[in-house]
Amino acid sequence: MKCWSCGRDVPDSVKFCSHCEAELTPGPAAAEEAAAAGALSAMGPDVA
């Protein structure tokens, strides 16, 4: 599994990343991903 915060590989069984100490929670829900994609697509290229 990859840490959502630092992108490093971490064992599936851990609750916190040993590299950056981020809490390892499930990824975003499909609705959250869609909302983020919508916000990004509404940004101008310079802001993005």
All heavy atoms as atom14 arrays in JSON, in Angstrom:
{
  "sequence": "MKCWSCGRDVPDSVKFCSHCEAELTPGPAAAEEAAAAGALSAMGPDVA",
  "atom14_mask": [
    [1, 1, 1, 1, 1, 1, 1, 1, 0, 0, 0, 0, 0, 0],
    [1, 1, 1, 1, 1, 1, 1, 1, 1, 0, 0, 0, 0, 0],
    [1, 1, 1, 1, 1, 1, 0, 0, 0, 0, 0, 0, 0, 0],
    [1, 1, 1, 1, 1, 1, 1, 1, 1, 1, 1, 1, 1, 1],
    [1, 1, 1, 1, 1, 1, 0, 0, 0, 0, 0, 0, 0, 0],
    [1, 1, 1, 1, 1, 1, 0, 0, 0, 0, 0, 0, 0, 0],
    [1, 1, 1, 1, 0, 0, 0, 0, 0, 0, 0, 0, 0, 0],
    [1, 1, 1, 1, 1, 1, 1, 1, 1, 1, 1, 0, 0, 0],
    [1, 1, 1, 1, 1, 1, 1, 1, 0, 0, 0, 0, 0, 0],
    [1, 1, 1, 1, 1, 1, 1, 0, 0, 0, 0, 0, 0, 0],
    [1, 1, 1, 1, 1, 1, 1, 0, 0, 0, 0, 0, 0, 0],
    [1, 1, 1, 1, 1, 1, 1, 1, 0, 0, 0, 0, 0, 0],
    [1, 1, 1, 1, 1, 1, 0, 0, 0, 0, 0, 0, 0, 0],
    [1, 1, 1, 1, 1, 1, 1, 0, 0, 0, 0, 0, 0, 0],
    [1, 1, 1, 1, 1, 1, 1, 1, 1, 0, 0, 0, 0, 0],
    [1, 1, 1, 1, 1, 1, 1, 1, 1, 1, 1, 0, 0, 0],
    [1, 1, 1, 1, 1, 1, 0, 0, 0, 0, 0, 0, 0, 0],
    [1, 1, 1, 1, 1, 1, 0, 0, 0, 0, 0, 0, 0, 0],
    [1, 1, 1, 1, 1, 1, 1, 1, 1, 1, 0, 0, 0, 0],
    [1, 1, 1, 1, 1, 1, 0, 0, 0, 0, 0, 0, 0, 0],
    [1, 1, 1, 1, 1, 1, 1, 1, 1, 0, 0, 0, 0, 0],
    [1, 1, 1, 1, 1, 0, 0, 0, 0, 0, 0, 0, 0, 0],
    [1, 1, 1, 1, 1, 1, 1, 1, 1, 0, 0, 0, 0, 0],
    [1, 1, 1, 1, 1, 1, 1, 1, 0, 0, 0, 0, 0, 0],
    [1, 1, 1, 1, 1, 1, 1, 0, 0, 0, 0, 0, 0, 0],
    [1, 1, 1, 1, 1, 1, 1, 0, 0, 0, 0, 0, 0, 0],
    [1, 1, 1, 1, 0, 0, 0, 0, 0, 0, 0, 0, 0, 0],
    [1, 1, 1, 1, 1, 1, 1, 0, 0, 0, 0, 0, 0, 0],
    [1, 1, 1, 1, 1, 0, 0, 0, 0, 0, 0, 0, 0, 0],
    [1, 1, 1, 1, 1, 0, 0, 0, 0, 0, 0, 0, 0, 0],
    [1, 1, 1, 1, 1, 0, 0, 0, 0, 0, 0, 0, 0, 0],
    [1, 1, 1, 1, 1, 1, 1, 1, 1, 0, 0, 0, 0, 0],
    [1, 1, 1, 1, 1, 1, 1, 1, 1, 0, 0, 0, 0, 0],
    [1, 1, 1, 1, 1, 0, 0, 0, 0, 0, 0, 0, 0, 0],
    [1, 1, 1, 1, 1, 0, 0, 0, 0, 0, 0, 0, 0, 0],
    [1, 1, 1, 1, 1, 0, 0, 0, 0, 0, 0, 0, 0, 0],
    [1, 1, 1, 1, 1, 0, 0, 0, 0, 0, 0, 0, 0, 0],
    [1, 1, 1, 1, 0, 0, 0, 0, 0, 0, 0, 0, 0, 0],
    [1, 1, 1, 1, 1, 0, 0, 0, 0, 0, 0, 0, 0, 0],
    [1, 1, 1, 1, 1, 1, 1, 1, 0, 0, 0, 0, 0, 0],
    [1, 1, 1, 1, 1, 1, 0, 0, 0, 0, 0, 0, 0, 0],
    [1, 1, 1, 1, 1, 0, 0, 0, 0, 0, 0, 0, 0, 0],
    [1, 1, 1, 1, 1, 1, 1, 1, 0, 0, 0, 0, 0, 0],
    [1, 1, 1, 1, 0, 0, 0, 0, 0, 0, 0, 0, 0, 0],
    [1, 1, 1, 1, 1, 1, 1, 0, 0, 0, 0, 0, 0, 0],
    [1, 1, 1, 1, 1, 1, 1, 1, 0, 0, 0, 0, 0, 0],
    [1, 1, 1, 1, 1, 1, 1, 0, 0, 0, 0, 0, 0, 0],
    [1, 1, 1, 1, 1, 0, 0, 0, 0, 0, 0, 0, 0, 0]
  ],
  "atom14_positions": [
    [[0.85, -1.17, 0.0], [0.0, 0.0, 0.0], [0.9, 1.24, 0.0], [1.99, 1.22, 0.54], [-0.9, -0.06, 1.25], [-1.55, 1.25, 1.61], [-2.82, 1.16, 2.89], [-1.9, 0.76, 4.34], [0.0, 0.0, 0.0], [0.0, 0.0, 0.0], [0.0, 0.0, 0.0], [0.0, 0.0, 0.0], [0.0, 0.0, 0.0], [0.0, 0.0, 0.0]],
    [[0.41, 2.32, -0.59], [1.15, 3.58, -0.6], [0.51, 4.55, 0.37], [-0.7, 4.63, 0.49], [1.16, 4.19, -1.99], [2.01, 3.43, -2.98], [2.57, 4.38, -4.01], [3.45, 3.65, -4.99], [4.78, 3.43, -4.5], [0.0, 0.0, 0.0], [0.0, 0.0, 0.0], [0.0, 0.0, 0.0], [0.0, 0.0, 0.0], [0.0, 0.0, 0.0]],
    [[1.35, 5.3, 1.07], [0.86, 6.33, 1.98], [0.25, 7.46, 1.16], [0.85, 7.93, 0.19], [2.01, 6.87, 2.83], [1.56, 8.3, 3.85], [0.0, 0.0, 0.0], [0.0, 0.0, 0.0], [0.0, 0.0, 0.0], [0.0, 0.0, 0.0], [0.0, 0.0, 0.0], [0.0, 0.0, 0.0], [0.0, 0.0, 0.0], [0.0, 0.0, 0.0]],
    [[-0.94, 7.92, 1.56], [-1.6, 9.0, 0.84], [-0.86, 10.32, 1.0], [-0.97, 11.21, 0.17], [-3.05, 9.17, 1.34], [-3.1, 9.59, 2.78], [-3.18, 8.77, 3.87], [-3.03, 10.91, 3.29], [-3.17, 9.51, 5.03], [-3.08, 10.83, 4.7], [-2.92, 12.17, 2.7], [-3.02, 11.95, 5.52], [-2.87, 13.28, 3.53], [-2.92, 13.16, 4.92]],
    [[-0.07, 10.46, 2.07], [0.59, 11.72, 2.36], [1.96, 11.86, 1.68], [2.22, 12.84, 1.01], [0.75, 11.89, 3.87], [1.42, 13.09, 4.17], [0.0, 0.0, 0.0], [0.0, 0.0, 0.0], [0.0, 0.0, 0.0], [0.0, 0.0, 0.0], [0.0, 0.0, 0.0], [0.0, 0.0, 0.0], [0.0, 0.0, 0.0], [0.0, 0.0, 0.0]],
    [[2.81, 10.86, 1.85], [4.18, 10.98, 1.3], [4.42, 10.1, 0.08], [5.45, 10.22, -0.57], [5.21, 10.67, 2.38], [5.26, 8.95, 2.92], [0.0, 0.0, 0.0], [0.0, 0.0, 0.0], [0.0, 0.0, 0.0], [0.0, 0.0, 0.0], [0.0, 0.0, 0.0], [0.0, 0.0, 0.0], [0.0, 0.0, 0.0], [0.0, 0.0, 0.0]],
    [[3.47, 9.19, -0.21], [3.59, 8.35, -1.41], [4.53, 7.17, -1.27], [4.75, 6.45, -2.24], [0.0, 0.0, 0.0], [0.0, 0.0, 0.0], [0.0, 0.0, 0.0], [0.0, 0.0, 0.0], [0.0, 0.0, 0.0], [0.0, 0.0, 0.0], [0.0, 0.0, 0.0], [0.0, 0.0, 0.0], [0.0, 0.0, 0.0], [0.0, 0.0, 0.0]],
    [[5.07, 6.93, -0.09], [6.0, 5.82, 0.1], [5.24, 4.53, 0.37], [4.11, 4.54, 0.85], [6.95, 6.12, 1.24], [7.88, 7.27, 0.93], [8.88, 7.44, 2.03], [9.82, 8.49, 1.7], [10.48, 9.18, 2.6], [10.31, 8.94, 3.89], [11.33, 10.11, 2.24], [0.0, 0.0, 0.0], [0.0, 0.0, 0.0], [0.0, 0.0, 0.0]],
    [[5.89, 3.41, 0.08], [5.3, 2.1, 0.35], [5.29, 1.84, 1.86], [6.29, 2.09, 2.55], [6.09, 0.99, -0.35], [5.9, 1.03, -1.86], [4.78, 1.35, -2.3], [6.87, 0.75, -2.58], [0.0, 0.0, 0.0], [0.0, 0.0, 0.0], [0.0, 0.0, 0.0], [0.0, 0.0, 0.0], [0.0, 0.0, 0.0], [0.0, 0.0, 0.0]],
    [[4.16, 1.35, 2.35], [4.02, 0.97, 3.76], [3.29, -0.36, 3.82], [2.52, -0.7, 2.92], [3.24, 2.04, 4.57], [4.04, 3.32, 4.69], [1.9, 2.31, 3.97], [0.0, 0.0, 0.0], [0.0, 0.0, 0.0], [0.0, 0.0, 0.0], [0.0, 0.0, 0.0], [0.0, 0.0, 0.0], [0.0, 0.0, 0.0], [0.0, 0.0, 0.0]],
    [[3.52, -1.15, 4.87], [2.82, -2.43, 5.01], [1.31, -2.2, 5.15], [0.86, -1.21, 5.72], [3.4, -3.04, 6.29], [4.66, -2.31, 6.53], [4.51, -0.95, 5.93], [0.0, 0.0, 0.0], [0.0, 0.0, 0.0], [0.0, 0.0, 0.0], [0.0, 0.0, 0.0], [0.0, 0.0, 0.0], [0.0, 0.0, 0.0], [0.0, 0.0, 0.0]],
    [[0.52, -3.14, 4.63], [-0.94, -3.03, 4.7], [-1.46, -3.03, 6.14], [-2.53, -2.49, 6.4], [-1.6, -4.19, 3.94], [-1.4, -4.07, 2.45], [-1.12, -2.95, 1.97], [-1.53, -5.09, 1.76], [0.0, 0.0, 0.0], [0.0, 0.0, 0.0], [0.0, 0.0, 0.0], [0.0, 0.0, 0.0], [0.0, 0.0, 0.0], [0.0, 0.0, 0.0]],
    [[-0.73, -3.6, 7.06], [-1.23, -3.79, 8.42], [-1.05, -2.58, 9.33], [-1.61, -2.55, 10.43], [-0.53, -4.99, 9.06], [0.86, -4.75, 9.09], [0.0, 0.0, 0.0], [0.0, 0.0, 0.0], [0.0, 0.0, 0.0], [0.0, 0.0, 0.0], [0.0, 0.0, 0.0], [0.0, 0.0, 0.0], [0.0, 0.0, 0.0], [0.0, 0.0, 0.0]],
    [[-0.3, -1.56, 8.92], [-0.02, -0.43, 9.82], [-1.12, 0.62, 9.76], [-1.83, 0.75, 8.77], [1.35, 0.21, 9.52], [2.47, -0.79, 9.72], [1.39, 0.8, 8.14], [0.0, 0.0, 0.0], [0.0, 0.0, 0.0], [0.0, 0.0, 0.0], [0.0, 0.0, 0.0], [0.0, 0.0, 0.0], [0.0, 0.0, 0.0], [0.0, 0.0, 0.0]],
    [[-1.26, 1.37, 10.86], [-2.27, 2.42, 10.94], [-1.66, 3.81, 10.71], [-2.37, 4.75, 10.42], [-2.97, 2.39, 12.29], [-3.77, 1.11, 12.5], [-4.69, 1.23, 13.68], [-5.41, -0.06, 13.96], [-6.47, -0.38, 13.08], [0.0, 0.0, 0.0], [0.0, 0.0, 0.0], [0.0, 0.0, 0.0], [0.0, 0.0, 0.0], [0.0, 0.0, 0.0]],
    [[-0.32, 3.94, 10.87], [0.37, 5.2, 10.67], [1.6, 4.97, 9.8], [2.28, 3.95, 9.95], [0.81, 5.82, 12.0], [-0.34, 6.28, 12.84], [-0.94, 5.43, 13.75], [-0.83, 7.57, 12.72], [-2.0, 5.84, 14.52], [-1.9, 7.99, 13.48], [-2.49, 7.13, 14.38], [0.0, 0.0, 0.0], [0.0, 0.0, 0.0], [0.0, 0.0, 0.0]],
    [[1.89, 5.9, 8.93], [3.07, 5.81, 8.06], [4.32, 6.01, 8.9], [4.42, 6.97, 9.67], [2.99, 6.88, 6.97], [4.44, 6.92, 5.91], [0.0, 0.0, 0.0], [0.0, 0.0, 0.0], [0.0, 0.0, 0.0], [0.0, 0.0, 0.0], [0.0, 0.0, 0.0], [0.0, 0.0, 0.0], [0.0, 0.0, 0.0], [0.0, 0.0, 0.0]],
    [[5.28, 5.12, 8.76], [6.52, 5.23, 9.53], [7.43, 6.33, 8.99], [8.36, 6.75, 9.66], [7.27, 3.89, 9.53], [7.59, 3.52, 8.21], [0.0, 0.0, 0.0], [0.0, 0.0, 0.0], [0.0, 0.0, 0.0], [0.0, 0.0, 0.0], [0.0, 0.0, 0.0], [0.0, 0.0, 0.0], [0.0, 0.0, 0.0], [0.0, 0.0, 0.0]],
    [[7.16, 6.83, 7.78], [7.98, 7.87, 7.16], [7.51, 9.27, 7.55], [8.3, 10.1, 7.96], [7.98, 7.73, 5.65], [8.42, 6.38, 5.18], [9.73, 5.97, 5.21], [7.71, 5.35, 4.7], [9.82, 4.74, 4.76], [8.6, 4.33, 4.44], [0.0, 0.0, 0.0], [0.0, 0.0, 0.0], [0.0, 0.0, 0.0], [0.0, 0.0, 0.0]],
    [[6.19, 9.53, 7.41], [5.68, 10.88, 7.66], [4.67, 10.94, 8.8], [4.16, 12.02, 9.12], [5.05, 11.45, 6.39], [3.49, 10.66, 5.94], [0.0, 0.0, 0.0], [0.0, 0.0, 0.0], [0.0, 0.0, 0.0], [0.0, 0.0, 0.0], [0.0, 0.0, 0.0], [0.0, 0.0, 0.0], [0.0, 0.0, 0.0], [0.0, 0.0, 0.0]],
    [[4.36, 9.79, 9.41], [3.45, 9.68, 10.55], [2.0, 10.0, 10.22], [1.19, 10.22, 11.1], [3.94, 10.54, 11.71], [5.31, 10.13, 12.2], [5.83, 10.98, 13.34], [5.14, 11.92, 13.77], [6.94, 10.71, 13.81], [0.0, 0.0, 0.0], [0.0, 0.0, 0.0], [0.0, 0.0, 0.0], [0.0, 0.0, 0.0], [0.0, 0.0, 0.0]],
    [[1.64, 10.03, 8.94], [0.24, 10.28, 8.57], [-0.61, 9.08, 8.95], [-0.18, 7.93, 8.86], [0.13, 10.51, 7.06], [0.0, 0.0, 0.0], [0.0, 0.0, 0.0], [0.0, 0.0, 0.0], [0.0, 0.0, 0.0], [0.0, 0.0, 0.0], [0.0, 0.0, 0.0], [0.0, 0.0, 0.0], [0.0, 0.0, 0.0], [0.0, 0.0, 0.0]],
    [[-1.83, 9.37, 9.39], [-2.77, 8.3, 9.69], [-3.2, 7.68, 8.36], [-3.56, 8.38, 7.42], [-3.98, 8.84, 10.44], [-4.93, 7.76, 10.86], [-6.08, 8.29, 11.72], [-6.2, 9.51, 11.88], [-6.85, 7.45, 12.2], [0.0, 0.0, 0.0], [0.0, 0.0, 0.0], [0.0, 0.0, 0.0], [0.0, 0.0, 0.0], [0.0, 0.0, 0.0]],
    [[-3.14, 6.36, 8.3], [-3.47, 5.66, 7.07], [-4.94, 5.26, 7.11], [-5.32, 4.3, 7.76], [-2.57, 4.45, 6.87], [-1.08, 4.81, 6.78], [-0.24, 3.55, 6.75], [-0.83, 5.66, 5.55], [0.0, 0.0, 0.0], [0.0, 0.0, 0.0], [0.0, 0.0, 0.0], [0.0, 0.0, 0.0], [0.0, 0.0, 0.0], [0.0, 0.0, 0.0]],
    [[-5.74, 6.03, 6.45], [-7.18, 5.81, 6.4], [-7.57, 5.38, 5.01], [-6.8, 5.53, 4.07], [-7.93, 7.1, 6.77], [-7.53, 8.13, 5.85], [-7.61, 7.54, 8.18], [0.0, 0.0, 0.0], [0.0, 0.0, 0.0], [0.0, 0.0, 0.0], [0.0, 0.0, 0.0], [0.0, 0.0, 0.0], [0.0, 0.0, 0.0], [0.0, 0.0, 0.0]],
    [[-8.78, 4.86, 4.84], [-9.21, 4.5, 3.49], [-9.19, 5.72, 2.57], [-9.34, 6.86, 3.03], [-10.65, 4.01, 3.69], [-10.76, 3.68, 5.14], [-9.78, 4.55, 5.85], [0.0, 0.0, 0.0], [0.0, 0.0, 0.0], [0.0, 0.0, 0.0], [0.0, 0.0, 0.0], [0.0, 0.0, 0.0], [0.0, 0.0, 0.0], [0.0, 0.0, 0.0]],
    [[-9.02, 5.49, 1.3], [-8.98, 6.56, 0.32], [-10.31, 7.29, 0.21], [-11.3, 6.89, 0.83], [0.0, 0.0, 0.0], [0.0, 0.0, 0.0], [0.0, 0.0, 0.0], [0.0, 0.0, 0.0], [0.0, 0.0, 0.0], [0.0, 0.0, 0.0], [0.0, 0.0, 0.0], [0.0, 0.0, 0.0], [0.0, 0.0, 0.0], [0.0, 0.0, 0.0]],
    [[-10.35, 8.34, -0.57], [-11.58, 9.12, -0.71], [-12.69, 8.31, -1.39], [-12.42, 7.44, -2.22], [-11.17, 10.32, -1.56], [-9.92, 9.89, -2.25], [-9.26, 8.87, -1.37], [0.0, 0.0, 0.0], [0.0, 0.0, 0.0], [0.0, 0.0, 0.0], [0.0, 0.0, 0.0], [0.0, 0.0, 0.0], [0.0, 0.0, 0.0], [0.0, 0.0, 0.0]],
    [[-13.92, 8.64, -1.05], [-15.08, 8.0, -1.68], [-15.22, 8.51, -3.11], [-14.67, 9.55, -3.46], [-16.34, 8.32, -0.88], [0.0, 0.0, 0.0], [0.0, 0.0, 0.0], [0.0, 0.0, 0.0], [0.0, 0.0, 0.0], [0.0, 0.0, 0.0], [0.0, 0.0, 0.0], [0.0, 0.0, 0.0], [0.0, 0.0, 0.0], [0.0, 0.0, 0.0]],
    [[-15.95, 7.79, -3.93], [-16.13, 8.18, -5.33], [-16.72, 9.58, -5.45], [-16.31, 10.36, -6.32], [-17.02, 7.15, -6.04], [0.0, 0.0, 0.0], [0.0, 0.0, 0.0], [0.0, 0.0, 0.0], [0.0, 0.0, 0.0], [0.0, 0.0, 0.0], [0.0, 0.0, 0.0], [0.0, 0.0, 0.0], [0.0, 0.0, 0.0], [0.0, 0.0, 0.0]],
    [[-17.66, 9.93, -4.57], [-18.27, 11.27, -4.62], [-17.24, 12.35, -4.3], [-17.25, 13.43, -4.91], [-19.43, 11.34, -3.64], [0.0, 0.0, 0.0], [0.0, 0.0, 0.0], [0.0, 0.0, 0.0], [0.0, 0.0, 0.0], [0.0, 0.0, 0.0], [0.0, 0.0, 0.0], [0.0, 0.0, 0.0], [0.0, 0.0, 0.0], [0.0, 0.0, 0.0]],
    [[-16.33, 12.06, -3.37], [-15.28, 13.02, -3.03], [-14.31, 13.19, -4.2], [-13.89, 14.3, -4.51], [-14.52, 12.56, -1.79], [-15.37, 12.6, -0.52], [-14.7, 11.92, 0.66], [-14.01, 10.9, 0.47], [-14.89, 12.43, 1.78], [0.0, 0.0, 0.0], [0.0, 0.0, 0.0], [0.0, 0.0, 0.0], [0.0, 0.0, 0.0], [0.0, 0.0, 0.0]],
    [[-13.97, 12.08, -4.85], [-13.09, 12.17, -6.02], [-13.75, 12.97, -7.14], [-13.1, 13.77, -7.8], [-12.71, 10.77, -6.51], [-11.72, 10.06, -5.62], [-11.28, 8.72, -6.18], [-11.6, 8.4, -7.34], [-10.61, 7.99, -5.44], [0.0, 0.0, 0.0], [0.0, 0.0, 0.0], [0.0, 0.0, 0.0], [0.0, 0.0, 0.0], [0.0, 0.0, 0.0]],
    [[-15.04, 12.75, -7.36], [-15.77, 13.48, -8.4], [-15.82, 14.97, -8.08], [-15.65, 15.81, -8.98], [-17.18, 12.92, -8.55], [0.0, 0.0, 0.0], [0.0, 0.0, 0.0], [0.0, 0.0, 0.0], [0.0, 0.0, 0.0], [0.0, 0.0, 0.0], [0.0, 0.0, 0.0], [0.0, 0.0, 0.0], [0.0, 0.0, 0.0], [0.0, 0.0, 0.0]],
    [[-16.04, 15.32, -6.8], [-16.08, 16.72, -6.41], [-14.72, 17.39, -6.63], [-14.64, 18.52, -7.14], [-16.51, 16.86, -4.96], [0.0, 0.0, 0.0], [0.0, 0.0, 0.0], [0.0, 0.0, 0.0], [0.0, 0.0, 0.0], [0.0, 0.0, 0.0], [0.0, 0.0, 0.0], [0.0, 0.0, 0.0], [0.0, 0.0, 0.0], [0.0, 0.0, 0.0]],
    [[-13.65, 16.69, -6.28], [-12.3, 17.23, -6.48], [-12.01, 17.4, -7.96], [-11.45, 18.42, -8.39], [-11.27, 16.33, -5.82], [0.0, 0.0, 0.0], [0.0, 0.0, 0.0], [0.0, 0.0, 0.0], [0.0, 0.0, 0.0], [0.0, 0.0, 0.0], [0.0, 0.0, 0.0], [0.0, 0.0, 0.0], [0.0, 0.0, 0.0], [0.0, 0.0, 0.0]],
    [[-12.39, 16.41, -8.78], [-12.17, 16.5, -10.22], [-12.94, 17.68, -10.81], [-12.43, 18.4, -11.68], [-12.57, 15.19, -10.9], [0.0, 0.0, 0.0], [0.0, 0.0, 0.0], [0.0, 0.0, 0.0], [0.0, 0.0, 0.0], [0.0, 0.0, 0.0], [0.0, 0.0, 0.0], [0.0, 0.0, 0.0], [0.0, 0.0, 0.0], [0.0, 0.0, 0.0]],
    [[-14.16, 17.9, -10.33], [-14.96, 19.02, -10.8], [-14.32, 20.36, -10.45], [-14.29, 21.27, -11.27], [0.0, 0.0, 0.0], [0.0, 0.0, 0.0], [0.0, 0.0, 0.0], [0.0, 0.0, 0.0], [0.0, 0.0, 0.0], [0.0, 0.0, 0.0], [0.0, 0.0, 0.0], [0.0, 0.0, 0.0], [0.0, 0.0, 0.0], [0.0, 0.0, 0.0]],
    [[-13.81, 20.47, -9.22], [-13.15, 21.71, -8.8], [-11.89, 21.96, -9.62], [-11.63, 23.09, -10.05], [-12.81, 21.63, -7.31], [0.0, 0.0, 0.0], [0.0, 0.0, 0.0], [0.0, 0.0, 0.0], [0.0, 0.0, 0.0], [0.0, 0.0, 0.0], [0.0, 0.0, 0.0], [0.0, 0.0, 0.0], [0.0, 0.0, 0.0], [0.0, 0.0, 0.0]],
    [[-11.12, 20.91, -9.88], [-9.9, 21.07, -10.68], [-10.21, 21.46, -12.12], [-9.52, 22.3, -12.7], [-9.07, 19.77, -10.65], [-8.37, 19.47, -9.35], [-7.77, 18.07, -9.38], [-7.3, 20.5, -9.05], [0.0, 0.0, 0.0], [0.0, 0.0, 0.0], [0.0, 0.0, 0.0], [0.0, 0.0, 0.0], [0.0, 0.0, 0.0], [0.0, 0.0, 0.0]],
    [[-11.25, 20.88, -12.69], [-11.58, 21.2, -14.07], [-12.12, 22.63, -14.22], [-12.04, 23.22, -15.28], [-12.57, 20.19, -14.65], [-13.82, 20.3, -14.0], [0.0, 0.0, 0.0], [0.0, 0.0, 0.0], [0.0, 0.0, 0.0], [0.0, 0.0, 0.0], [0.0, 0.0, 0.0], [0.0, 0.0, 0.0], [0.0, 0.0, 0.0], [0.0, 0.0, 0.0]],
    [[-12.66, 23.19, -13.12], [-13.18, 24.55, -13.16], [-12.07, 25.6, -13.01], [-12.3, 26.78, -13.28], [-14.23, 24.74, -12.07], [0.0, 0.0, 0.0], [0.0, 0.0, 0.0], [0.0, 0.0, 0.0], [0.0, 0.0, 0.0], [0.0, 0.0, 0.0], [0.0, 0.0, 0.0], [0.0, 0.0, 0.0], [0.0, 0.0, 0.0], [0.0, 0.0, 0.0]],
    [[-10.89, 25.18, -12.59], [-9.76, 26.1, -12.41], [-9.16, 26.47, -13.75], [-9.13, 25.66, -14.68], [-8.65, 25.46, -11.58], [-8.97, 25.28, -10.16], [-7.54, 24.51, -9.34], [-8.26, 24.19, -7.76], [0.0, 0.0, 0.0], [0.0, 0.0, 0.0], [0.0, 0.0, 0.0], [0.0, 0.0, 0.0], [0.0, 0.0, 0.0], [0.0, 0.0, 0.0]],
    [[-8.64, 27.67, -13.82], [-7.88, 28.07, -14.99], [-6.56, 27.32, -15.02], [-6.09, 26.83, -13.98], [0.0, 0.0, 0.0], [0.0, 0.0, 0.0], [0.0, 0.0, 0.0], [0.0, 0.0, 0.0], [0.0, 0.0, 0.0], [0.0, 0.0, 0.0], [0.0, 0.0, 0.0], [0.0, 0.0, 0.0], [0.0, 0.0, 0.0], [0.0, 0.0, 0.0]],
    [[-5.92, 27.21, -16.16], [-4.66, 26.46, -16.26], [-3.55, 27.01, -15.38], [-2.76, 26.25, -14.83], [-4.28, 26.53, -17.74], [-5.27, 27.41, -18.4], [-6.36, 27.74, -17.44], [0.0, 0.0, 0.0], [0.0, 0.0, 0.0], [0.0, 0.0, 0.0], [0.0, 0.0, 0.0], [0.0, 0.0, 0.0], [0.0, 0.0, 0.0], [0.0, 0.0, 0.0]],
    [[-3.49, 28.33, -15.2], [-2.44, 28.91, -14.36], [-2.61, 28.49, -12.9], [-1.64, 28.12, -12.24], [-2.44, 30.44, -14.46], [-1.99, 30.94, -15.82], [-1.38, 30.15, -16.57], [-2.25, 32.11, -16.13], [0.0, 0.0, 0.0], [0.0, 0.0, 0.0], [0.0, 0.0, 0.0], [0.0, 0.0, 0.0], [0.0, 0.0, 0.0], [0.0, 0.0, 0.0]],
    [[-3.84, 28.54, -12.42], [-4.12, 28.17, -11.03], [-3.86, 26.68, -10.83], [-3.24, 26.26, -9.84], [-5.56, 28.53, -10.63], [-5.9, 28.02, -9.25], [-5.77, 30.03, -10.71], [0.0, 0.0, 0.0], [0.0, 0.0, 0.0], [0.0, 0.0, 0.0], [0.0, 0.0, 0.0], [0.0, 0.0, 0.0], [0.0, 0.0, 0.0], [0.0, 0.0, 0.0]],
    [[-4.31, 25.86, -11.78], [-4.1, 24.42, -11.68], [-2.6, 24.09, -11.68], [-2.15, 23.22, -10.92], [-4.81, 23.69, -12.82], [0.0, 0.0, 0.0], [0.0, 0.0, 0.0], [0.0, 0.0, 0.0], [0.0, 0.0, 0.0], [0.0, 0.0, 0.0], [0.0, 0.0, 0.0], [0.0, 0.0, 0.0], [0.0, 0.0, 0.0], [0.0, 0.0, 0.0]]
  ]
}
